[in-house]
Protein backbone atom coordinates (compact mmCIF):
# COMPACT_ATOMS: atom_id res chain seq x y z
CA MET A 1 25.55 -14.66 -41.66
CA ALA A 2 28.46 -16.91 -42.72
CA HIS A 3 26.50 -17.99 -45.77
CA VAL A 4 25.89 -14.40 -46.82
CA LEU A 5 29.62 -13.58 -46.56
CA LEU A 6 30.48 -16.66 -48.63
CA VAL A 7 28.06 -15.68 -51.36
CA ALA A 8 29.46 -12.13 -51.37
CA GLN A 9 32.99 -13.45 -51.83
CA LEU A 10 31.91 -15.69 -54.73
CA SER A 11 30.07 -12.85 -56.44
CA ILE A 12 33.23 -10.75 -56.51
CA THR A 13 35.25 -13.42 -58.29
CA MET A 14 32.67 -14.60 -60.86
CA PRO A 15 31.93 -13.00 -64.28
CA THR A 16 29.47 -10.09 -64.53
CA ASN A 17 26.59 -12.07 -66.16
CA ASN A 18 26.85 -14.83 -63.60
CA ARG A 19 27.00 -12.24 -60.83
CA ARG A 20 23.74 -10.71 -62.02
CA THR A 21 22.12 -14.12 -62.14
CA LEU A 22 23.23 -14.86 -58.55
CA ILE A 23 21.93 -11.54 -57.30
CA GLY A 24 18.58 -12.22 -58.93
CA LEU A 25 18.34 -15.61 -57.31
CA LEU A 26 19.13 -14.10 -53.91
CA CYS A 27 16.42 -11.48 -54.34
CA LEU A 28 13.94 -14.19 -55.25
CA PHE A 29 15.00 -16.23 -52.16
CA PHE A 30 14.43 -13.31 -49.75
CA LEU A 31 11.13 -12.38 -51.41
CA THR A 32 9.86 -15.94 -51.08
CA ASN A 33 10.78 -16.11 -47.38
CA PHE A 34 9.16 -12.73 -46.71
CA CYS A 35 5.92 -13.92 -48.29
CA ALA A 36 6.06 -17.12 -46.24
CA LEU A 37 6.29 -15.05 -43.03
CA ALA A 38 3.51 -12.71 -44.09
CA VAL A 39 1.00 -15.34 -45.23
CA PRO A 40 -0.29 -17.87 -42.65
CA THR A 41 0.14 -21.53 -43.35
CA ALA A 42 -2.78 -23.53 -44.57
CA ALA A 43 -3.11 -25.24 -41.20
CA ALA A 44 -3.22 -21.91 -39.36
CA ALA A 45 -5.61 -20.41 -41.90
CA ASP A 46 -7.94 -23.35 -41.60
CA ALA A 47 -7.89 -23.30 -37.72
CA PRO A 48 -11.29 -22.25 -36.33
CA ALA A 49 -11.48 -18.90 -34.50
CA ALA A 50 -11.77 -19.04 -30.70
CA SER A 51 -15.36 -18.97 -29.49
CA LEU A 52 -16.73 -16.19 -27.30
CA GLU A 53 -16.82 -18.58 -24.32
CA GLN A 54 -13.16 -19.51 -24.84
CA ARG A 55 -12.09 -15.88 -25.01
CA ILE A 56 -14.07 -15.04 -21.84
CA ALA A 57 -12.52 -18.01 -20.03
CA LYS A 58 -9.05 -16.83 -21.07
CA LEU A 59 -9.74 -13.33 -19.75
CA GLU A 60 -11.08 -14.71 -16.45
CA ALA A 61 -8.00 -16.91 -16.03
CA ALA A 62 -5.75 -13.92 -16.59
CA ALA A 63 -7.76 -11.82 -14.11
CA SER A 64 -7.60 -14.52 -11.42
CA ALA A 65 -3.86 -15.06 -11.75
CA PRO A 66 -1.99 -14.09 -8.57
CA GLY A 67 -0.46 -10.65 -8.56
CA VAL A 68 -0.45 -7.28 -6.86
CA ASN A 69 -3.75 -5.42 -6.80
CA SER A 70 -2.99 -1.70 -6.71
CA GLY A 71 -6.19 -0.87 -4.80
CA ASP A 72 -5.51 -3.45 -2.10
CA ASN A 73 -1.90 -2.35 -1.82
CA ALA A 74 -2.87 1.31 -1.51
CA TRP A 75 -5.35 0.52 1.28
CA MET A 76 -2.79 -1.57 3.13
CA LEU A 77 -0.09 1.08 2.91
CA VAL A 78 -2.54 3.67 4.27
CA SER A 79 -3.58 1.26 7.03
CA THR A 80 0.07 0.68 7.91
CA ALA A 81 0.61 4.41 8.36
CA MET A 82 -2.59 4.65 10.44
CA VAL A 83 -1.43 1.93 12.82
CA LEU A 84 1.93 3.65 13.26
CA LEU A 85 0.02 6.85 14.02
CA MET A 86 -1.64 5.00 16.90
CA THR A 87 1.75 4.81 18.60
CA ALA A 88 3.05 8.22 17.59
CA PRO A 89 1.43 10.55 18.30
CA GLY A 90 -1.70 8.66 19.49
CA LEU A 91 -0.47 6.61 22.44
CA ILE A 92 2.30 9.11 23.16
CA LEU A 93 -0.25 11.87 23.78
CA PHE A 94 -2.80 9.62 25.49
CA TYR A 95 -0.30 8.25 28.01
CA GLY A 96 1.74 11.45 28.24
CA GLY A 97 -1.23 13.53 29.35
CA LEU A 98 -2.16 11.09 32.11
CA VAL A 99 1.07 11.27 34.11
CA ARG A 100 2.49 14.04 36.26
CA SER A 101 4.37 16.83 34.52
CA LYS A 102 7.76 15.67 35.80
CA ASN A 103 7.34 12.34 33.99
CA VAL A 104 5.86 13.43 30.64
CA LEU A 105 8.97 12.96 28.50
CA GLY A 106 9.95 9.71 30.18
CA THR A 107 6.49 8.29 29.51
CA MET A 108 6.39 9.52 25.92
CA MET A 109 9.88 8.16 25.31
CA HIS A 110 8.65 4.62 26.02
CA SER A 111 6.43 4.65 22.96
CA LEU A 112 8.77 6.76 20.84
CA ILE A 113 11.87 4.60 21.21
CA LEU A 114 9.97 1.41 20.45
CA MET A 115 9.47 2.60 16.88
CA SER A 116 13.23 2.21 16.55
CA VAL A 117 13.95 -0.79 18.75
CA VAL A 118 11.15 -3.09 17.59
CA SER A 119 11.67 -2.13 13.94
CA VAL A 120 15.26 -3.36 14.09
CA LEU A 121 14.25 -6.58 15.89
CA TRP A 122 11.58 -7.15 13.26
CA VAL A 123 14.11 -6.92 10.41
CA VAL A 124 16.66 -9.17 12.06
CA TYR A 125 14.43 -12.03 13.24
CA GLY A 126 11.04 -10.82 14.46
CA TYR A 127 9.15 -11.09 11.18
CA SER A 128 10.68 -14.49 10.52
CA MET A 129 9.74 -15.81 13.97
CA SER A 130 6.21 -14.52 13.50
CA PHE A 131 5.44 -15.46 9.90
CA GLY A 132 8.17 -17.83 8.81
CA GLU A 133 7.38 -21.51 8.47
CA GLY A 134 8.23 -23.46 11.59
CA ASN A 135 6.27 -25.48 14.09
CA ALA A 136 2.95 -24.80 15.82
CA PHE A 137 4.55 -22.43 18.33
CA CYS A 138 7.22 -20.42 16.50
CA GLY A 139 8.41 -19.62 13.00
CA ASN A 140 11.94 -20.25 11.76
CA PRO A 141 13.96 -17.14 12.79
CA PHE A 142 16.32 -17.61 9.83
CA GLN A 143 13.83 -17.99 6.98
CA TYR A 144 13.41 -14.24 6.55
CA PHE A 145 16.58 -13.22 8.39
CA LEU A 146 17.28 -9.56 7.58
CA LEU A 147 14.09 -9.76 5.45
CA HIS A 148 15.77 -12.00 2.89
CA GLY A 149 13.18 -12.92 0.27
CA VAL A 150 10.64 -10.33 1.41
CA GLY A 151 9.99 -8.16 -1.60
CA ASP A 152 7.42 -7.18 -4.24
CA ALA A 153 5.98 -10.66 -4.78
CA PRO A 154 2.93 -11.55 -2.66
CA ASN A 155 2.99 -14.34 -0.11
CA ALA A 156 -0.24 -16.10 -1.04
CA ASP A 157 -0.51 -17.78 2.37
CA TYR A 158 -1.18 -14.42 4.00
CA ALA A 159 -2.19 -11.85 1.39
CA ALA A 160 -2.26 -12.81 -2.29
CA THR A 161 -2.87 -9.34 -3.72
CA ILE A 162 -0.27 -7.19 -1.97
CA PRO A 163 3.54 -7.37 -1.88
CA GLN A 164 4.91 -9.38 1.00
CA GLN A 165 6.86 -6.27 1.94
CA THR A 166 3.59 -4.40 2.49
CA PHE A 167 2.27 -7.23 4.66
CA MET A 168 5.54 -7.22 6.62
CA LEU A 169 5.30 -3.47 7.27
CA PHE A 170 1.67 -3.68 8.35
CA GLN A 171 2.40 -6.40 10.88
CA LEU A 172 5.43 -4.49 12.17
CA MET A 173 3.19 -1.68 13.41
CA PHE A 174 1.34 -4.16 15.64
CA ALA A 175 4.63 -5.35 17.08
CA ILE A 176 5.59 -1.74 17.89
CA ILE A 177 2.45 -0.69 19.75
CA THR A 178 2.00 -3.86 21.83
CA PRO A 179 4.94 -3.42 24.26
CA ALA A 180 4.20 0.31 24.27
CA LEU A 181 0.81 -0.50 25.83
CA ILE A 182 2.54 -2.35 28.68
CA SER A 183 4.51 0.76 29.61
CA GLY A 184 1.36 2.35 31.00
CA ALA A 185 1.53 0.03 34.00
CA PHE A 186 5.02 1.00 35.20
CA ALA A 187 5.05 4.63 34.09
CA GLU A 188 6.85 7.00 36.49
CA ARG A 189 9.11 4.40 38.10
CA MET A 190 11.06 2.08 35.73
CA LYS A 191 14.65 2.66 34.67
CA PHE A 192 15.02 3.44 30.99
CA THR A 193 17.78 0.84 30.54
CA ALA A 194 15.60 -1.77 32.24
CA PHE A 195 12.73 -0.82 29.95
CA LEU A 196 14.83 -1.42 26.83
CA VAL A 197 16.12 -4.81 27.96
CA PHE A 198 12.67 -5.86 29.15
CA THR A 199 11.10 -4.92 25.82
CA ILE A 200 13.66 -6.81 23.73
CA LEU A 201 13.24 -9.97 25.80
CA TRP A 202 9.46 -9.66 25.98
CA ALA A 203 9.02 -9.20 22.24
CA THR A 204 11.27 -12.19 21.55
CA ILE A 205 9.79 -14.57 24.10
CA VAL A 206 6.12 -13.51 24.13
CA TYR A 207 5.04 -11.42 21.15
CA PHE A 208 6.76 -13.11 18.19
CA PRO A 209 5.83 -16.69 19.16
CA LEU A 210 2.26 -15.72 20.09
CA CYS A 211 1.88 -13.86 16.80
CA HIS A 212 2.94 -17.01 14.95
CA MET A 213 0.58 -19.20 16.95
CA VAL A 214 -2.47 -17.06 16.15
CA TRP A 215 -1.70 -15.65 12.69
CA GLY A 216 1.25 -17.63 11.28
CA LYS A 217 0.90 -20.56 8.90
CA GLY A 218 0.58 -23.75 10.92
CA GLY A 219 0.28 -21.80 14.17
CA TYR A 220 -1.48 -23.70 16.94
CA PHE A 221 -4.47 -21.33 17.13
CA ASN A 222 -4.66 -20.37 13.45
CA TRP A 223 -8.16 -21.14 12.19
CA SER A 224 -7.44 -20.62 8.49
CA LEU A 225 -3.89 -21.90 7.92
CA GLY A 226 -3.65 -25.34 9.45
CA GLY A 227 -3.95 -24.70 13.18
CA LYS A 228 -4.97 -27.28 15.76
CA VAL A 229 -7.45 -25.18 17.73
CA PRO A 230 -9.49 -22.75 15.59
CA VAL A 231 -9.42 -19.40 17.38
CA LEU A 232 -11.03 -16.29 15.91
CA ASP A 233 -8.82 -13.27 16.56
CA PHE A 234 -9.17 -10.83 13.70
CA ALA A 235 -6.80 -8.05 14.71
CA GLY A 236 -5.07 -8.90 17.98
CA GLY A 237 -7.26 -9.66 20.99
CA THR A 238 -4.77 -12.22 22.25
CA VAL A 239 -1.65 -11.18 20.35
CA VAL A 240 -1.82 -7.48 21.22
CA HIS A 241 -4.24 -6.58 24.00
CA ILE A 242 -4.44 -9.56 26.34
CA SER A 243 -0.70 -10.20 26.12
CA SER A 244 0.12 -6.56 26.89
CA GLY A 245 -2.63 -6.14 29.49
CA VAL A 246 -1.71 -9.22 31.51
CA SER A 247 1.98 -8.35 31.27
CA ALA A 248 1.11 -4.87 32.51
CA LEU A 249 -0.58 -6.34 35.59
CA VAL A 250 2.47 -8.48 36.38
CA CYS A 251 4.72 -5.43 35.96
CA ALA A 252 2.59 -3.44 38.40
CA LEU A 253 2.66 -6.24 40.96
CA VAL A 254 6.38 -6.97 40.69
CA MET A 255 7.53 -3.34 40.69
CA GLY A 256 5.23 -2.19 43.46
CA LYS A 257 3.47 1.12 43.92
CA ARG A 258 4.76 4.59 43.14
CA LEU A 259 6.07 6.56 46.10
CA GLY A 260 3.11 8.09 47.90
CA HIS A 261 0.47 5.97 46.17
CA PRO A 262 -2.44 5.91 46.99
CA HIS A 263 -2.25 8.52 49.76
CA GLU A 264 -0.93 11.42 47.71
CA PRO A 265 -2.91 12.84 44.75
CA MET A 266 -1.36 11.88 41.41
CA LEU A 267 -3.64 13.60 38.96
CA PRO A 268 -3.09 13.75 35.19
CA HIS A 269 -1.15 16.88 34.33
CA ASN A 270 -2.92 17.54 31.01
CA VAL A 271 -6.19 15.79 30.16
CA VAL A 272 -6.39 17.79 26.91
CA LEU A 273 -3.36 15.90 25.55
CA SER A 274 -5.03 12.63 26.43
CA LEU A 275 -8.21 13.60 24.62
CA ILE A 276 -6.25 14.45 21.48
CA GLY A 277 -4.53 11.08 21.82
CA THR A 278 -7.92 9.39 22.14
CA GLY A 279 -9.07 10.86 18.84
CA LEU A 280 -5.88 9.78 17.11
CA LEU A 281 -6.18 6.27 18.53
CA TRP A 282 -9.77 6.00 17.29
CA PHE A 283 -8.71 7.21 13.83
CA GLY A 284 -5.74 4.86 13.65
CA TRP A 285 -7.81 1.92 14.85
CA PHE A 286 -9.69 1.93 11.54
CA GLY A 287 -6.40 0.91 9.94
CA PHE A 288 -5.68 -1.51 12.79
CA ASN A 289 -8.93 -3.46 12.32
CA GLY A 290 -9.98 -2.54 8.78
CA GLY A 291 -6.49 -3.21 7.47
CA SER A 292 -6.54 -6.68 9.01
CA ALA A 293 -8.84 -7.71 6.17
CA LEU A 294 -5.66 -7.45 4.05
CA SER A 295 -7.65 -6.17 1.07
CA ALA A 296 -9.89 -3.24 0.19
CA GLY A 297 -13.08 -5.28 -0.10
CA GLY A 298 -16.30 -5.72 1.82
CA LEU A 299 -14.66 -7.34 4.84
CA ALA A 300 -12.57 -4.20 5.40
CA SER A 301 -15.76 -2.12 5.33
CA SER A 302 -17.44 -4.45 7.80
CA ALA A 303 -14.50 -4.33 10.22
CA PHE A 304 -14.34 -0.55 9.81
CA ALA A 305 -18.00 -0.20 10.76
CA ALA A 306 -17.77 -2.60 13.72
CA THR A 307 -14.77 -0.67 15.03
CA HIS A 308 -16.54 2.67 14.92
CA PHE A 309 -19.78 1.61 16.56
CA ALA A 310 -18.06 -0.42 19.27
CA ALA A 311 -15.92 2.58 20.20
CA ALA A 312 -19.01 4.77 20.33
CA ALA A 313 -20.84 2.26 22.50
CA GLY A 314 -17.79 1.81 24.74
CA GLY A 315 -17.67 5.53 25.49
CA LEU A 316 -21.40 5.54 26.18
CA GLY A 317 -21.25 2.45 28.39
CA TRP A 318 -18.43 3.84 30.55
CA THR A 319 -20.10 7.26 30.82
CA LEU A 320 -23.48 5.88 31.87
CA THR A 321 -21.91 3.53 34.41
CA GLU A 322 -19.77 6.29 35.95
CA TRP A 323 -22.73 8.68 35.93
CA ALA A 324 -24.88 6.17 37.78
CA LEU A 325 -22.24 5.33 40.39
CA LYS A 326 -20.51 8.70 40.87
CA ARG A 327 -23.28 11.10 39.85
CA ARG A 328 -20.88 12.83 37.45
CA PRO A 329 -19.67 11.67 34.04
CA SER A 330 -16.01 12.57 33.60
CA VAL A 331 -14.44 13.56 30.29
CA LEU A 332 -11.48 11.26 30.88
CA GLY A 333 -13.91 8.45 31.67
CA ALA A 334 -15.65 8.88 28.32
CA ALA A 335 -12.27 8.77 26.56
CA SER A 336 -11.24 5.67 28.50
CA GLY A 337 -14.51 3.98 27.55
CA MET A 338 -13.88 4.69 23.87
CA VAL A 339 -10.45 3.10 24.05
CA ALA A 340 -11.95 0.17 25.96
CA GLY A 341 -14.53 -0.28 23.21
CA LEU A 342 -11.78 -0.29 20.60
CA ALA A 343 -9.67 -2.84 22.49
CA THR A 344 -12.66 -5.09 23.07
CA ILE A 345 -13.92 -5.13 19.47
CA THR A 346 -10.45 -5.81 18.04
CA PRO A 347 -10.66 -9.64 18.00
CA ALA A 348 -14.27 -9.58 16.81
CA SER A 349 -14.15 -6.77 14.25
CA GLY A 350 -13.96 -9.00 11.17
CA PHE A 351 -16.53 -11.52 12.37
CA VAL A 352 -19.51 -9.65 13.84
CA SER A 353 -22.33 -7.42 12.64
CA VAL A 354 -22.84 -3.79 13.67
CA PRO A 355 -25.57 -4.59 16.25
CA SER A 356 -23.28 -7.19 17.83
CA ALA A 357 -20.42 -4.67 17.82
CA ILE A 358 -22.60 -2.19 19.74
CA LEU A 359 -23.40 -4.83 22.37
CA ILE A 360 -19.70 -5.68 22.67
CA GLY A 361 -18.85 -1.98 23.06
CA LEU A 362 -21.47 -1.45 25.77
CA ALA A 363 -20.14 -4.49 27.64
CA ALA A 364 -16.61 -3.10 27.33
CA GLY A 365 -17.60 0.25 28.82
CA PHE A 366 -19.23 -1.34 31.84
CA VAL A 367 -16.75 -4.16 32.52
CA CYS A 368 -13.62 -2.06 32.01
CA TYR A 369 -14.96 0.71 34.24
CA MET A 370 -15.53 -1.83 37.01
CA ALA A 371 -12.03 -3.25 36.52
CA VAL A 372 -10.41 0.18 36.71
CA SER A 373 -12.45 1.61 39.58
CA LYS A 374 -13.36 -1.42 41.69
CA LEU A 375 -11.03 -4.32 40.92
CA LYS A 376 -7.86 -2.22 41.17
CA ALA A 377 -8.98 -0.69 44.45
CA LYS A 378 -9.89 -4.07 45.91
CA PHE A 379 -6.51 -5.67 45.20
CA GLY A 380 -4.44 -2.51 45.65
CA TYR A 381 -2.09 -2.79 42.66
CA ASP A 382 -0.75 0.38 41.04
CA ASP A 383 -1.40 0.03 37.31
CA THR A 384 -0.50 3.65 36.57
CA LEU A 385 -2.46 4.14 33.35
CA ASP A 386 -4.85 1.18 33.62
CA ALA A 387 -3.32 -0.91 30.85
CA PHE A 388 -4.64 -4.09 32.44
CA GLY A 389 -8.13 -2.79 33.21
CA VAL A 390 -8.68 -1.50 29.67
CA HIS A 391 -6.66 -3.78 27.40
CA GLY A 392 -6.29 -7.01 29.37
CA VAL A 393 -9.83 -7.15 30.73
CA GLY A 394 -11.40 -5.55 27.67
CA SER A 395 -9.94 -7.95 25.11
CA THR A 396 -10.59 -10.97 27.33
CA VAL A 397 -14.27 -10.01 27.19
CA GLY A 398 -13.94 -9.34 23.47
CA MET A 399 -12.42 -12.75 22.73
CA ILE A 400 -15.22 -14.53 24.56
CA LEU A 401 -17.96 -12.48 22.90
CA THR A 402 -16.37 -13.15 19.52
CA GLY A 403 -17.15 -16.80 20.14
CA VAL A 404 -20.74 -15.84 20.90
CA PHE A 405 -21.46 -13.42 18.04
CA ALA A 406 -19.20 -14.58 15.17
CA SER A 407 -21.34 -14.71 12.03
CA ALA A 408 -20.78 -16.50 8.73
CA ALA A 409 -22.97 -13.84 7.11
CA VAL A 410 -20.27 -11.28 7.97
CA ASN A 411 -17.27 -13.50 7.21
CA PRO A 412 -18.30 -16.55 5.14
CA ALA A 413 -14.82 -18.09 5.41
CA ILE A 414 -15.42 -19.14 9.01
CA ALA A 415 -18.05 -21.60 7.80
CA THR A 416 -16.04 -23.17 4.99
CA THR A 417 -12.35 -23.16 5.90
CA PHE A 418 -11.50 -25.10 9.05
CA LYS A 419 -11.43 -28.88 8.81
CA ALA A 420 -11.44 -31.45 11.61
CA GLY A 421 -11.10 -35.14 10.75
CA GLY A 422 -11.47 -34.30 7.08
CA ASN A 423 -14.80 -32.56 7.63
CA ILE A 424 -15.49 -28.84 7.38
CA VAL A 425 -16.45 -27.34 10.73
CA SER A 426 -18.28 -24.02 11.05
CA LEU A 427 -16.76 -21.58 13.53
CA ALA A 428 -19.84 -19.40 13.80
CA GLY A 429 -20.92 -18.32 17.28
CA GLY A 430 -21.80 -21.08 19.72
CA ALA A 431 -20.65 -23.02 22.77
CA SER A 432 -17.96 -24.89 20.85
CA GLN A 433 -16.35 -21.73 19.55
CA VAL A 434 -16.55 -20.06 22.95
CA MET A 435 -14.50 -22.97 24.32
CA HIS A 436 -11.89 -22.47 21.60
CA GLN A 437 -11.71 -18.78 22.46
CA LEU A 438 -11.33 -19.54 26.17
CA MET A 439 -8.44 -21.91 25.46
CA ALA A 440 -6.55 -19.17 23.62
CA VAL A 441 -7.34 -16.62 26.34
CA ALA A 442 -6.10 -18.95 29.09
CA PHE A 443 -2.92 -19.80 27.16
CA THR A 444 -2.19 -16.12 26.53
CA TRP A 445 -2.71 -15.25 30.19
CA VAL A 446 -0.30 -17.97 31.29
CA LEU A 447 2.35 -17.29 28.63
CA ALA A 448 2.32 -13.50 29.01
CA GLY A 449 2.05 -13.54 32.79
CA GLY A 450 4.64 -16.24 33.40
CA ALA A 451 7.18 -14.98 30.89
CA THR A 452 6.83 -11.39 32.08
CA PHE A 453 7.45 -12.42 35.67
CA VAL A 454 10.62 -14.32 34.75
CA ILE A 455 11.91 -11.51 32.52
CA LEU A 456 11.33 -8.87 35.20
CA LYS A 457 13.14 -10.91 37.84
CA LEU A 458 16.07 -11.50 35.49
CA VAL A 459 16.36 -7.83 34.55
CA ASP A 460 16.10 -6.83 38.20
CA VAL A 461 18.98 -9.12 39.14
CA VAL A 462 21.22 -7.96 36.30
CA ILE A 463 20.63 -4.19 36.09
CA GLY A 464 17.77 -3.35 38.45
CA LEU A 465 14.22 -2.45 37.47
CA ARG A 466 13.36 0.64 39.41
CA VAL A 467 14.85 4.10 39.70
CA THR A 468 16.04 5.23 43.13
CA GLU A 469 13.71 7.10 45.47
CA GLU A 470 15.57 10.32 44.79
CA GLU A 471 15.26 9.86 41.03
CA GLU A 472 11.56 9.06 41.32
CA LEU A 473 10.93 12.18 43.40
CA ARG A 474 12.80 14.36 40.89
CA GLY A 475 10.93 12.77 38.01
CA LEU A 476 12.03 10.53 35.16
CA ASP A 477 12.37 13.39 32.70
CA VAL A 478 15.37 14.82 34.53
CA SER A 479 16.77 11.67 36.13
CA GLN A 480 16.61 9.44 33.03
CA HIS A 481 16.84 11.86 30.12
CA GLY A 482 18.25 15.14 31.49
CA GLU A 483 15.38 17.15 30.06
CA GLU A 484 12.20 18.87 31.14
CA ALA A 485 8.98 19.02 29.17
CA TYR A 486 8.08 22.51 30.30
CA ASN A 487 10.70 25.21 30.71
CA ASP A 488 8.89 28.33 31.93
């Protein structure tokens, strides 16, 4: 630009003929440069055209480059919403219909408020403790503090084709529903303030570290991301159902029975609500298990199918068992069997075939019925809504049977991913994998049970766990929330 201005100044001061000559030379200069830009150099013109194979290779490289796949992301966002639906209104209606009318709102509030409480914990440090890089037992709580660095870019360690923010949201829904499942054990008798403090401590001490151990990079039981013991848990057998079920049992034992139990009848006030909740849970569970494939491919379809047929078989197994022993199949029993089938197939859903899923569902219906009707009666604990009998017992069975039926034909990665001593080790069903599964089950029982006991005792000392006898007789709706569900 400076050169152009200089030439312009010179042209003003020089004679007319010279000025014309200069202008002509400038026009020739620009024309020459324009032609040089328009015509390729001899070297470029002589360069051979790319072959068909080279062009195909270039296209394949571009297609395989990491980035967000809109189809995968859409499926994961839908799955995220489906898992949230499992809590509200699914679990809210399922649990709410099973308690007495004076405790409906108090019971529903347990699940409802966790959508707020756990979401905030997740943003502050929960996601970071679960999926941040740390040691074999817990992630760094500051890596993703306040979700710093969690945005549109994928985290290839977990899901290479969806934004990390989508993955974060999906996993949040698991963190919400897990402590909500525990609330079924102490329904109708725990203080609301005690419930909030218990949940915050339990999520921090039990759920977040266990989530990291099973699903986080470098977690002790992570079979695909550098774990020490390869445990197959596709969608939360240990992380969600065993941890909540065992914790529920400890809650029932520590808090004691409801006033009047078992001498006074404490029948569900509205089984219809529970049946609606059952349907919503079944629907949402497709996102729970199918979404755990973290993509919209064949593995999602396989997990989807296993989930459906296990739930169907669970309802059938419970119904047939109850029919044989009581001579009458109850509607609530069928619904409970369906939920048991869903809880039991959860760890296996991405590893087993449909026939295996049906066998797992049938086993769930029978075993969970016996736990709810026989085991609870024998030991006399008051697990109000059978959280232990369905989720704790069911997923313990499911984890073990995953070790039996896991198939590389369903999920080829289990035969080619885990290495021990530099050698690839197949994790397909067999005695070795059953032992790995048992180790994770035992650890989860001890961690969840021991931590829950300590947390309950601490909360009891500081603020007290249980409502007064007067408040329990009036009902938690009025005594804890100043409201009534039904105002005739």
